[in-house]
Amino acid sequence: MARTVLERFPAGGPRGSWPAEEFAQARREEGLAAEVVMDIEADAFLVIMHQPRTPQPRSPYSGAPEPRVEAAAR
């Protein structure tokens, strides 16, 4: 499943302040399935929304070996 980042918030916010959680709650009230995750490397909270991946059209040859074309002998 793919994820879309809706907003980023620095992890070092004021004590007792939860801006990422407040933002996510507001999005949930709008009907979006928003959640907060931590990006440890960036030291930030991300508000994300899961997106289902759209299936890619498959070629009739996908997974099959390439057809061989041989030159005719003269």
C-alpha atoms as a PDB file:
ATOM      1  CA  MET A   1       0.000   0.000   0.000  1.00  0.00           C
ATOM      2  CA  ALA A   2       1.326   3.438  -0.893  1.00  0.00           C
ATOM      3  CA  ARG A   3       1.338   6.334   1.536  1.00  0.00           C
ATOM      4  CA  THR A   4       0.788  10.023   0.899  1.00  0.00           C
ATOM      5  CA  VAL A   5       2.382  12.518   3.280  1.00  0.00           C
ATOM      6  CA  LEU A   6      -0.172  15.223   4.030  1.00  0.00           C
ATOM      7  CA  GLU A   7       2.004  17.332   6.366  1.00  0.00           C
ATOM      8  CA  ARG A   8       5.314  17.277   8.290  1.00  0.00           C
ATOM      9  CA  PHE A   9       5.847  18.599  11.808  1.00  0.00           C
ATOM     10  CA  PRO A  10       9.174  18.954  13.657  1.00  0.00           C
ATOM     11  CA  ALA A  11       9.489  16.619  16.638  1.00  0.00           C
ATOM     12  CA  GLY A  12      10.754  19.375  18.942  1.00  0.00           C
ATOM     13  CA  GLY A  13       7.445  21.165  19.477  1.00  0.00           C
ATOM     14  CA  PRO A  14       6.542  22.981  22.698  1.00  0.00           C
ATOM     15  CA  ARG A  15       5.772  20.809  25.714  1.00  0.00           C
ATOM     16  CA  GLY A  16       2.127  19.723  25.733  1.00  0.00           C
ATOM     17  CA  SER A  17       1.671  20.700  22.085  1.00  0.00           C
ATOM     18  CA  TRP A  18       0.623  17.985  19.639  1.00  0.00           C
ATOM     19  CA  PRO A  19       0.271  19.773  16.260  1.00  0.00           C
ATOM     20  CA  ALA A  20       0.625  16.600  14.169  1.00  0.00           C
ATOM     21  CA  GLU A  21      -2.089  14.814  16.164  1.00  0.00           C
ATOM     22  CA  GLU A  22      -4.371  17.861  15.951  1.00  0.00           C
ATOM     23  CA  PHE A  23      -3.846  18.104  12.187  1.00  0.00           C
ATOM     24  CA  ALA A  24      -4.535  14.372  11.744  1.00  0.00           C
ATOM     25  CA  GLN A  25      -7.688  14.599  13.871  1.00  0.00           C
ATOM     26  CA  ALA A  26      -8.978  17.479  11.740  1.00  0.00           C
ATOM     27  CA  ARG A  27      -8.385  15.393   8.586  1.00  0.00           C
ATOM     28  CA  ARG A  28     -10.193  12.410  10.149  1.00  0.00           C
ATOM     29  CA  GLU A  29     -13.166  14.683  10.871  1.00  0.00           C
ATOM     30  CA  GLU A  30     -13.149  15.501   7.139  1.00  0.00           C
ATOM     31  CA  GLY A  31     -13.407  11.780   6.385  1.00  0.00           C
ATOM     32  CA  LEU A  32      -9.759  11.050   5.564  1.00  0.00           C
ATOM     33  CA  ALA A  33      -7.981   8.106   7.179  1.00  0.00           C
ATOM     34  CA  ALA A  34      -5.040  10.179   8.436  1.00  0.00           C
ATOM     35  CA  GLU A  35      -2.534   8.863  10.950  1.00  0.00           C
ATOM     36  CA  VAL A  36       0.677  10.133  12.544  1.00  0.00           C
ATOM     37  CA  VAL A  37       3.978   8.303  12.141  1.00  0.00           C
ATOM     38  CA  MET A  38       7.500   9.207  13.246  1.00  0.00           C
ATOM     39  CA  ASP A  39      10.304   9.730  10.740  1.00  0.00           C
ATOM     40  CA  ILE A  40      13.231   9.068  13.062  1.00  0.00           C
ATOM     41  CA  GLU A  41      15.924   9.991  10.525  1.00  0.00           C
ATOM     42  CA  ALA A  42      14.334  13.408   9.885  1.00  0.00           C
ATOM     43  CA  ASP A  43      13.273  13.845  13.552  1.00  0.00           C
ATOM     44  CA  ALA A  44       9.775  14.754  12.429  1.00  0.00           C
ATOM     45  CA  PHE A  45       6.191  13.576  12.731  1.00  0.00           C
ATOM     46  CA  LEU A  46       4.430  12.853   9.449  1.00  0.00           C
ATOM     47  CA  VAL A  47       0.688  12.890   8.938  1.00  0.00           C
ATOM     48  CA  ILE A  48       0.052  10.237   6.316  1.00  0.00           C
ATOM     49  CA  MET A  49      -2.846   8.693   4.478  1.00  0.00           C
ATOM     50  CA  HIS A  50      -2.706   5.194   2.970  1.00  0.00           C
ATOM     51  CA  GLN A  51      -3.544   4.942  -0.714  1.00  0.00           C
ATOM     52  CA  PRO A  52      -4.320   1.652  -2.419  1.00  0.00           C
ATOM     53  CA  ARG A  53      -1.931   0.987  -5.274  1.00  0.00           C
ATOM     54  CA  THR A  54      -3.535   0.912  -8.673  1.00  0.00           C
ATOM     55  CA  PRO A  55      -2.748  -2.261 -10.578  1.00  0.00           C
ATOM     56  CA  GLN A  56      -0.496  -1.785 -13.585  1.00  0.00           C
ATOM     57  CA  PRO A  57      -1.769  -3.094 -16.917  1.00  0.00           C
ATOM     58  CA  ARG A  58      -0.059  -6.386 -17.669  1.00  0.00           C
ATOM     59  CA  SER A  59       1.469  -7.228 -20.984  1.00  0.00           C
ATOM     60  CA  PRO A  60       0.414 -10.560 -22.475  1.00  0.00           C
ATOM     61  CA  TYR A  61       4.148 -11.341 -22.563  1.00  0.00           C
ATOM     62  CA  SER A  62       4.927 -10.437 -18.946  1.00  0.00           C
ATOM     63  CA  GLY A  63       6.631 -13.285 -17.202  1.00  0.00           C
ATOM     64  CA  ALA A  64       7.125 -15.147 -20.458  1.00  0.00           C
ATOM     65  CA  PRO A  65      10.480 -15.340 -22.224  1.00  0.00           C
ATOM     66  CA  GLU A  66      11.042 -12.958 -25.116  1.00  0.00           C
ATOM     67  CA  PRO A  67      10.062 -14.483 -28.472  1.00  0.00           C
ATOM     68  CA  ARG A  68      13.150 -15.390 -30.505  1.00  0.00           C
ATOM     69  CA  VAL A  69      13.455 -14.271 -34.085  1.00  0.00           C
ATOM     70  CA  GLU A  70      15.945 -16.249 -36.143  1.00  0.00           C
ATOM     71  CA  ALA A  71      17.235 -15.283 -39.535  1.00  0.00           C
ATOM     72  CA  ALA A  72      16.327 -17.653 -42.341  1.00  0.00           C
ATOM     73  CA  ALA A  73      19.274 -19.593 -43.775  1.00  0.00           C
ATOM     74  CA  ARG A  74      20.040 -18.900 -47.441  1.00  0.00           C
END
